[in-house]
C-alpha cells in the first residue's frame, strides 16, 4: 500500500509559526511573567538588585548576581530585550517630543493673556499695577498657569517655569546625573574611571 503524501500549499507553509533561535514565537511575551517584567525593567535602565526588586524577587546577597546572569546568559531574555528596546526608544522619542513642545510653549509663558486691556489693546493699570482679567484667555493660555490662589490683596497667579520642565526632560534622558555610577552597566564589575596623566589616558577601576 502506497503512503499518501499531502503537499502543503505555499499559503499553508507561509502560515506556519516561525520561532526565534531560543524557540520563542517572535514578539511574544515570555512565558515566565517575572522574566517579562525583568525585560521591561532592563529596558527602563534598571540593573542588578534594583531590577530584581522592581519585579518582585526577594532581596538577598545573591540577588544582584542572579539578575546579572539572567541578563547576560538567558537567551530568551536577551531576545526579548532586543524586541522591546526599539519600541520603548520610539515611544520615549514621542514622549520627549511632547515635552519639548510644552517646554517651547512654556518658554514664552507670560502674564500678558491674563491682564485687562482697554479698547486699544493697552494694559489697564490701577494704582500703577495691572489688573488680572481671564475673560480673553483661551484653553492654551490656561496651560501656562502653574498655580492660582486668593490672598487678601486679591488673586495670585503663578506661571509655569520652562527651566523646570527642561531640567526634568534632561534628567529623564540621562543628561543630568546627581550620582556617579560605581559599577559598569552589568551592575557587577567596578566602573572604570579615566584620568589624563601627562596627556595619556589611564583607566582606573572604582
C-alpha atoms as a PDB file:
ATOM      1  CA  UNK A   1       0.000   0.000   0.000  1.00  0.00           C
ATOM      2  CA  UNK A   2       1.449   3.334  -1.034  1.00  0.00           C
ATOM      3  CA  UNK A   3       1.819   6.065   1.551  1.00  0.00           C
ATOM      4  CA  UNK A   4      -0.416   9.076   0.949  1.00  0.00           C
ATOM      5  CA  UNK A   5       1.604  12.261   0.540  1.00  0.00           C
ATOM      6  CA  UNK A   6      -0.246  15.536   1.003  1.00  0.00           C
ATOM      7  CA  UNK A   7       1.529  18.549  -0.414  1.00  0.00           C
ATOM      8  CA  UNK A   8       1.218  21.785   1.510  1.00  0.00           C
ATOM      9  CA  UNK A   9       0.294  24.915  -0.342  1.00  0.00           C
ATOM     10  CA  UNK A  10       2.539  27.977  -0.248  1.00  0.00           C
ATOM     11  CA  UNK A  11      -0.112  29.718   1.880  1.00  0.00           C
ATOM     12  CA  UNK A  12      -0.048  26.923   4.447  1.00  0.00           C
ATOM     13  CA  UNK A  13       3.739  26.973   4.557  1.00  0.00           C
ATOM     14  CA  UNK A  14       3.704  30.747   4.997  1.00  0.00           C
ATOM     15  CA  UNK A  15       1.164  30.377   7.809  1.00  0.00           C
ATOM     16  CA  UNK A  16       3.438  28.117   9.838  1.00  0.00           C
ATOM     17  CA  UNK A  17       4.573  29.824  13.046  1.00  0.00           C
ATOM     18  CA  UNK A  18       8.197  30.885  12.992  1.00  0.00           C
ATOM     19  CA  UNK A  19      10.393  30.650  16.037  1.00  0.00           C
ATOM     20  CA  UNK A  20      13.387  32.514  17.372  1.00  0.00           C
ATOM     21  CA  UNK A  21      16.701  30.703  17.969  1.00  0.00           C
ATOM     22  CA  UNK A  22      15.633  30.119  21.592  1.00  0.00           C
ATOM     23  CA  UNK A  23      12.324  28.575  20.486  1.00  0.00           C
ATOM     24  CA  UNK A  24      10.013  31.527  21.126  1.00  0.00           C
ATOM     25  CA  UNK A  25       7.347  32.991  18.901  1.00  0.00           C
ATOM     26  CA  UNK A  26       8.776  36.380  17.864  1.00  0.00           C
ATOM     27  CA  UNK A  27       7.386  39.478  19.633  1.00  0.00           C
ATOM     28  CA  UNK A  28       5.510  37.389  22.187  1.00  0.00           C
ATOM     29  CA  UNK A  29       5.786  37.895  25.964  1.00  0.00           C
ATOM     30  CA  UNK A  30       7.999  35.480  27.851  1.00  0.00           C
ATOM     31  CA  UNK A  31       6.221  32.566  29.487  1.00  0.00           C
ATOM     32  CA  UNK A  32       7.778  33.414  32.842  1.00  0.00           C
ATOM     33  CA  UNK A  33       5.913  36.578  33.942  1.00  0.00           C
ATOM     34  CA  UNK A  34       8.779  37.756  36.143  1.00  0.00           C
ATOM     35  CA  UNK A  35      11.223  37.382  33.267  1.00  0.00           C
ATOM     36  CA  UNK A  36       8.933  39.519  31.099  1.00  0.00           C
ATOM     37  CA  UNK A  37       8.770  42.170  33.819  1.00  0.00           C
ATOM     38  CA  UNK A  38      12.538  41.927  34.178  1.00  0.00           C
ATOM     39  CA  UNK A  39      12.965  42.675  30.468  1.00  0.00           C
ATOM     40  CA  UNK A  40      10.972  45.881  30.827  1.00  0.00           C
ATOM     41  CA  UNK A  41      12.948  46.823  33.946  1.00  0.00           C
ATOM     42  CA  UNK A  42      16.199  46.395  31.986  1.00  0.00           C
ATOM     43  CA  UNK A  43      14.845  48.491  29.109  1.00  0.00           C
ATOM     44  CA  UNK A  44      13.954  51.228  31.604  1.00  0.00           C
ATOM     45  CA  UNK A  45      17.580  51.286  32.732  1.00  0.00           C
ATOM     46  CA  UNK A  46      17.444  49.252  35.955  1.00  0.00           C
ATOM     47  CA  UNK A  47      20.224  46.774  36.631  1.00  0.00           C
ATOM     48  CA  UNK A  48      21.157  44.137  39.183  1.00  0.00           C
ATOM     49  CA  UNK A  49      19.422  44.297  42.546  1.00  0.00           C
ATOM     50  CA  UNK A  50      17.201  47.257  41.606  1.00  0.00           C
ATOM     51  CA  UNK A  51      15.752  45.376  38.625  1.00  0.00           C
ATOM     52  CA  UNK A  52      15.140  42.257  40.729  1.00  0.00           C
ATOM     53  CA  UNK A  53      13.355  44.148  43.485  1.00  0.00           C
ATOM     54  CA  UNK A  54      11.281  46.076  40.935  1.00  0.00           C
ATOM     55  CA  UNK A  55       9.764  42.864  39.545  1.00  0.00           C
ATOM     56  CA  UNK A  56       9.181  41.164  42.893  1.00  0.00           C
ATOM     57  CA  UNK A  57      12.236  38.998  43.565  1.00  0.00           C
ATOM     58  CA  UNK A  58      13.128  38.552  47.233  1.00  0.00           C
ATOM     59  CA  UNK A  59      16.094  40.592  48.364  1.00  0.00           C
ATOM     60  CA  UNK A  60      19.251  38.799  49.417  1.00  0.00           C
ATOM     61  CA  UNK A  61      23.039  38.707  48.979  1.00  0.00           C
ATOM     62  CA  UNK A  62      22.803  36.705  45.751  1.00  0.00           C
ATOM     63  CA  UNK A  63      20.063  38.729  44.070  1.00  0.00           C
ATOM     64  CA  UNK A  64      22.317  41.113  42.146  1.00  0.00           C
ATOM     65  CA  UNK A  65      24.448  38.287  40.755  1.00  0.00           C
ATOM     66  CA  UNK A  66      21.445  36.160  39.787  1.00  0.00           C
ATOM     67  CA  UNK A  67      19.813  39.042  37.937  1.00  0.00           C
ATOM     68  CA  UNK A  68      23.056  39.857  36.135  1.00  0.00           C
ATOM     69  CA  UNK A  69      23.376  36.224  34.999  1.00  0.00           C
ATOM     70  CA  UNK A  70      19.819  36.279  33.650  1.00  0.00           C
ATOM     71  CA  UNK A  71      20.572  39.500  31.786  1.00  0.00           C
ATOM     72  CA  UNK A  72      23.768  38.187  30.230  1.00  0.00           C
ATOM     73  CA  UNK A  73      23.097  34.481  29.699  1.00  0.00           C
ATOM     74  CA  UNK A  74      19.349  33.814  29.379  1.00  0.00           C
ATOM     75  CA  UNK A  75      18.777  33.619  25.605  1.00  0.00           C
ATOM     76  CA  UNK A  76      15.052  34.306  25.816  1.00  0.00           C
ATOM     77  CA  UNK A  77      15.557  37.421  27.934  1.00  0.00           C
ATOM     78  CA  UNK A  78      18.288  38.645  25.584  1.00  0.00           C
ATOM     79  CA  UNK A  79      15.979  38.135  22.569  1.00  0.00           C
ATOM     80  CA  UNK A  80      13.055  39.821  24.271  1.00  0.00           C
ATOM     81  CA  UNK A  81      15.140  42.871  25.204  1.00  0.00           C
ATOM     82  CA  UNK A  82      16.113  43.203  21.535  1.00  0.00           C
ATOM     83  CA  UNK A  83      12.392  43.200  20.639  1.00  0.00           C
ATOM     84  CA  UNK A  84      11.179  45.598  23.342  1.00  0.00           C
ATOM     85  CA  UNK A  85      14.019  48.143  23.404  1.00  0.00           C
ATOM     86  CA  UNK A  86      13.457  49.673  19.914  1.00  0.00           C
ATOM     87  CA  UNK A  87       9.748  50.187  20.585  1.00  0.00           C
ATOM     88  CA  UNK A  88      10.484  51.674  24.004  1.00  0.00           C
ATOM     89  CA  UNK A  89      13.001  54.039  22.405  1.00  0.00           C
ATOM     90  CA  UNK A  90      10.455  55.116  19.784  1.00  0.00           C
ATOM     91  CA  UNK A  91       7.836  55.792  22.479  1.00  0.00           C
ATOM     92  CA  UNK A  92      10.417  57.725  24.502  1.00  0.00           C
ATOM     93  CA  UNK A  93      11.160  59.911  21.475  1.00  0.00           C
ATOM     94  CA  UNK A  94       7.444  60.631  21.038  1.00  0.00           C
ATOM     95  CA  UNK A  95       7.125  61.444  24.737  1.00  0.00           C
ATOM     96  CA  UNK A  96      10.184  63.690  24.567  1.00  0.00           C
ATOM     97  CA  UNK A  97       8.721  65.494  21.570  1.00  0.00           C
ATOM     98  CA  UNK A  98       5.576  66.239  23.578  1.00  0.00           C
ATOM     99  CA  UNK A  99       7.644  67.548  26.477  1.00  0.00           C
ATOM    100  CA  UNK A 100       9.813  69.674  24.202  1.00  0.00           C
ATOM    101  CA  UNK A 101       6.704  71.148  22.588  1.00  0.00           C
ATOM    102  CA  UNK A 102       5.481  72.099  26.060  1.00  0.00           C
ATOM    103  CA  UNK A 103       8.887  73.493  27.024  1.00  0.00           C
ATOM    104  CA  UNK A 104       8.828  75.697  23.925  1.00  0.00           C
ATOM    105  CA  UNK A 105       5.311  76.791  24.824  1.00  0.00           C
ATOM    106  CA  UNK A 106       6.216  77.466  28.484  1.00  0.00           C
ATOM    107  CA  UNK A 107       9.366  79.324  27.388  1.00  0.00           C
ATOM    108  CA  UNK A 108       7.076  82.104  26.208  1.00  0.00           C
ATOM    109  CA  UNK A 109       4.965  81.963  29.368  1.00  0.00           C
ATOM    110  CA  UNK A 110       3.706  85.415  30.274  1.00  0.00           C
ATOM    111  CA  UNK A 111       1.018  87.101  32.311  1.00  0.00           C
ATOM    112  CA  UNK A 112       0.008  89.071  29.229  1.00  0.00           C
ATOM    113  CA  UNK A 113      -3.029  86.896  28.280  1.00  0.00           C
ATOM    114  CA  UNK A 114      -4.445  87.373  31.799  1.00  0.00           C
ATOM    115  CA  UNK A 115      -4.196  91.170  32.008  1.00  0.00           C
ATOM    116  CA  UNK A 116      -7.074  93.555  31.500  1.00  0.00           C
ATOM    117  CA  UNK A 117      -6.820  95.760  28.405  1.00  0.00           C
ATOM    118  CA  UNK A 118      -8.646  98.801  27.107  1.00  0.00           C
ATOM    119  CA  UNK A 119     -10.328  99.130  23.698  1.00  0.00           C
ATOM    120  CA  UNK A 120      -6.967  99.869  22.077  1.00  0.00           C
ATOM    121  CA  UNK A 121      -5.366  96.721  23.499  1.00  0.00           C
ATOM    122  CA  UNK A 122      -3.248  98.549  26.043  1.00  0.00           C
ATOM    123  CA  UNK A 123      -2.841  97.103  29.542  1.00  0.00           C
ATOM    124  CA  UNK A 124      -5.093  98.803  32.098  1.00  0.00           C
ATOM    125  CA  UNK A 125      -3.309  99.891  35.271  1.00  0.00           C
ATOM    126  CA  UNK A 126      -4.772 100.537  38.695  1.00  0.00           C
ATOM    127  CA  UNK A 127      -2.530 102.307  41.176  1.00  0.00           C
ATOM    128  CA  UNK A 128       0.305 101.581  38.773  1.00  0.00           C
ATOM    129  CA  UNK A 129      -0.347  97.819  38.709  1.00  0.00           C
ATOM    130  CA  UNK A 130      -2.007  95.641  36.037  1.00  0.00           C
ATOM    131  CA  UNK A 131      -5.400  94.075  36.680  1.00  0.00           C
ATOM    132  CA  UNK A 132      -5.972  90.348  36.225  1.00  0.00           C
ATOM    133  CA  UNK A 133      -8.672  89.524  33.679  1.00  0.00           C
ATOM    134  CA  UNK A 134      -9.367  85.979  32.465  1.00  0.00           C
ATOM    135  CA  UNK A 135     -12.149  86.863  30.029  1.00  0.00           C
ATOM    136  CA  UNK A 136      -9.884  86.814  26.945  1.00  0.00           C
ATOM    137  CA  UNK A 137      -7.747  83.797  27.900  1.00  0.00           C
ATOM    138  CA  UNK A 138      -8.209  80.531  25.985  1.00  0.00           C
ATOM    139  CA  UNK A 139      -7.511  76.908  26.983  1.00  0.00           C
ATOM    140  CA  UNK A 140      -3.899  77.039  25.788  1.00  0.00           C
ATOM    141  CA  UNK A 141      -3.295  80.103  27.932  1.00  0.00           C
ATOM    142  CA  UNK A 142      -4.657  78.276  30.980  1.00  0.00           C
ATOM    143  CA  UNK A 143      -1.963  75.609  30.484  1.00  0.00           C
ATOM    144  CA  UNK A 144       0.589  78.291  31.330  1.00  0.00           C
ATOM    145  CA  UNK A 145      -0.797  78.575  34.866  1.00  0.00           C
ATOM    146  CA  UNK A 146       1.123  76.605  37.483  1.00  0.00           C
ATOM    147  CA  UNK A 147      -0.816  77.862  40.488  1.00  0.00           C
ATOM    148  CA  UNK A 148      -3.679  80.209  41.251  1.00  0.00           C
ATOM    149  CA  UNK A 149      -4.765  81.278  44.719  1.00  0.00           C
ATOM    150  CA  UNK A 150      -6.534  84.067  46.554  1.00  0.00           C
ATOM    151  CA  UNK A 151      -4.841  86.411  49.001  1.00  0.00           C
ATOM    152  CA  UNK A 152      -6.047  89.387  50.999  1.00  0.00           C
ATOM    153  CA  UNK A 153      -4.731  91.553  48.187  1.00  0.00           C
ATOM    154  CA  UNK A 154      -6.654  89.630  45.511  1.00  0.00           C
ATOM    155  CA  UNK A 155      -5.929  86.664  43.208  1.00  0.00           C
ATOM    156  CA  UNK A 156      -2.350  85.412  42.926  1.00  0.00           C
ATOM    157  CA  UNK A 157      -1.169  83.838  39.680  1.00  0.00           C
ATOM    158  CA  UNK A 158       1.984  81.754  39.169  1.00  0.00           C
ATOM    159  CA  UNK A 159       3.156  80.955  35.625  1.00  0.00           C
ATOM    160  CA  UNK A 160       4.945  77.701  34.771  1.00  0.00           C
ATOM    161  CA  UNK A 161       8.745  77.676  34.814  1.00  0.00           C
ATOM    162  CA  UNK A 162      10.241  76.462  31.489  1.00  0.00           C
ATOM    163  CA  UNK A 163      13.635  75.736  33.086  1.00  0.00           C
ATOM    164  CA  UNK A 164      11.987  73.296  35.486  1.00  0.00           C
ATOM    165  CA  UNK A 165      10.400  71.384  32.605  1.00  0.00           C
ATOM    166  CA  UNK A 166      13.710  71.340  30.725  1.00  0.00           C
ATOM    167  CA  UNK A 167      15.517  70.077  33.834  1.00  0.00           C
ATOM    168  CA  UNK A 168      13.039  67.186  34.129  1.00  0.00           C
ATOM    169  CA  UNK A 169      13.467  66.305  30.474  1.00  0.00           C
ATOM    170  CA  UNK A 170      17.263  66.276  30.729  1.00  0.00           C
ATOM    171  CA  UNK A 171      17.155  64.064  33.810  1.00  0.00           C
ATOM    172  CA  UNK A 172      14.689  61.718  32.115  1.00  0.00           C
ATOM    173  CA  UNK A 173      17.056  61.378  29.143  1.00  0.00           C
ATOM    174  CA  UNK A 174      20.063  60.830  31.423  1.00  0.00           C
ATOM    175  CA  UNK A 175      21.788  64.095  30.516  1.00  0.00           C
ATOM    176  CA  UNK A 176      21.941  65.179  34.160  1.00  0.00           C
ATOM    177  CA  UNK A 177      23.064  62.909  36.984  1.00  0.00           C
ATOM    178  CA  UNK A 178      23.025  63.557  40.729  1.00  0.00           C
ATOM    179  CA  UNK A 179      25.111  60.441  41.382  1.00  0.00           C
ATOM    180  CA  UNK A 180      28.124  58.835  39.736  1.00  0.00           C
ATOM    181  CA  UNK A 181      27.794  55.120  38.937  1.00  0.00           C
ATOM    182  CA  UNK A 182      30.296  52.954  40.816  1.00  0.00           C
ATOM    183  CA  UNK A 183      29.628  49.861  38.691  1.00  0.00           C
ATOM    184  CA  UNK A 184      29.603  49.055  34.994  1.00  0.00           C
ATOM    185  CA  UNK A 185      26.273  48.605  33.110  1.00  0.00           C
ATOM    186  CA  UNK A 186      26.010  44.955  34.286  1.00  0.00           C
ATOM    187  CA  UNK A 187      25.920  46.110  37.898  1.00  0.00           C
ATOM    188  CA  UNK A 188      28.592  43.563  38.774  1.00  0.00           C
ATOM    189  CA  UNK A 189      32.014  44.978  37.859  1.00  0.00           C
ATOM    190  CA  UNK A 190      33.506  48.246  39.122  1.00  0.00           C
ATOM    191  CA  UNK A 191      33.209  51.220  36.835  1.00  0.00           C
ATOM    192  CA  UNK A 192      36.322  52.407  35.028  1.00  0.00           C
ATOM    193  CA  UNK A 193      37.380  55.976  35.769  1.00  0.00           C
ATOM    194  CA  UNK A 194      39.655  57.658  33.231  1.00  0.00           C
ATOM    195  CA  UNK A 195      42.316  60.175  34.183  1.00  0.00           C
ATOM    196  CA  UNK A 196      44.668  62.089  31.921  1.00  0.00           C
ATOM    197  CA  UNK A 197      48.266  61.776  33.104  1.00  0.00           C
ATOM    198  CA  UNK A 198      50.741  63.777  31.034  1.00  0.00           C
ATOM    199  CA  UNK A 199      48.466  63.612  28.028  1.00  0.00           C
ATOM    200  CA  UNK A 200      47.900  59.819  28.180  1.00  0.00           C
ATOM    201  CA  UNK A 201      44.523  58.415  29.330  1.00  0.00           C
ATOM    202  CA  UNK A 202      44.752  55.937  32.198  1.00  0.00           C
ATOM    203  CA  UNK A 203      41.814  53.682  33.186  1.00  0.00           C
ATOM    204  CA  UNK A 204      41.398  53.103  36.913  1.00  0.00           C
ATOM    205  CA  UNK A 205      38.771  50.820  38.474  1.00  0.00           C
ATOM    206  CA  UNK A 206      36.491  52.448  41.018  1.00  0.00           C
END
